[in-house]
Amino acid sequence: MSLAAKNAEAVNKHLERLMPVLTPLGIMLGFLLSGVFIHLRPFVPWLFSLMTLAGALKLRVAEFGVVIRSPIPILVFFVSTHVLMPLCALFVASCFLGGDADIVAGFILLFAGPAAVSSFMWVTIYRGDKALCLTLILLDTLLAPLVVPGTVSLLMGTKVTMDITGIAVSLILMVVIPTIIGVTLNETSRSKIPNLVCPYLNPVSKICLMLVIAANTSPVAKIIRLDDPKVWEVAGLCILLSVGGFVFSKLAAMLIRCNADKSIALFFPGGLRNISAVTTIAVTFFPEAAALPALLGIVFQQTLSAIMGKLLMRKPPQND
């Protein structure tokens, strides 16, 4: 490996440690410099596509064979994350915010989103079943254009205005196509292309994440007032429901008696949503208030992941 690649990997590891800080930093930049970052809005789909490509370059089709032959963990994952959690989000948000259909829709959208690619980082740290984790991320990503608009439409009906076709097309362009390209490049080059470009692309993708968050925050900065009790209520519900997502995933793994490795692989993708994609969809296709749960949720997500991992998962083994 070249010196430049080693330096890029060192930067990437430093940025990984700063993940709980980078996401709130993106929110702050969007608030404080909304007039600057709003000009990045036209480039958000491209930035997000680059982030997706960086994660997809690590995916190998060959790793999925064994996982697909034992589909029960996959089915349990989808029931937990795309049936129970959206229903739970609808129930809890309606109880506390029943009069605000847009924000309720925002909560459903948040918890209907695909698994975050960053969950693979946590599964790797905790030495879980990486093949199962990658399979869940890939399938969830590919099905997102159907699952996300379908879930919101089914649970909210005509209570909120949205462009289902536009949402599906946007997810295909930002998530599905880059994923297919990344997996194809990895397979056809036998990992040579990822080994060459990922040391540089990984830190760039994390910078892109911060820019995407800042750009998505800027158009709704004017509707978020820290002196508004509803903002704090939404933030509290985001934390409560996010914790619920991790707990559901833990219980699901216990229900089917997964071993420790598979339990970890279900835990993090089940608790971590691709909030950057959700925020982009919310800002583009929904009323402004619908973006509030995603914007607040992204502040807590990585920190919550670290806390819930320590509370509910085994302590990561020390490096050999």
Foldseek 3Di string as FASTA:
>chain_A
DDPVLVVLLVLLVVVVVCLLPLLVLLLVLLQVVLVPLLVCLVVLLVLLLLLQLLLLLPDEPVLQPVVVVVCLLLVLLCCLQQPVLLVVLLVVCCVVPVVDLLQSLLSSLQSQFFFASCLLVVLVQQVASNSLLSVRRLVSLQCRLPRRLVRSCVSSPPVFFWDSVVLSVSSCSSHVVSNVVSNVVCVVVVNPVCVVCSSNSSSVSSVSLSSLLSNLNSVLSVVDDPVDVVLVVLLVVLLVSLLVQLVSLLVSCVVVVHDQRSSSSSRSSSNGGNLSSSSSRCSPIGPSSSNSNSSSNSSCRVVVVVVCCVVRHDDRDDDD
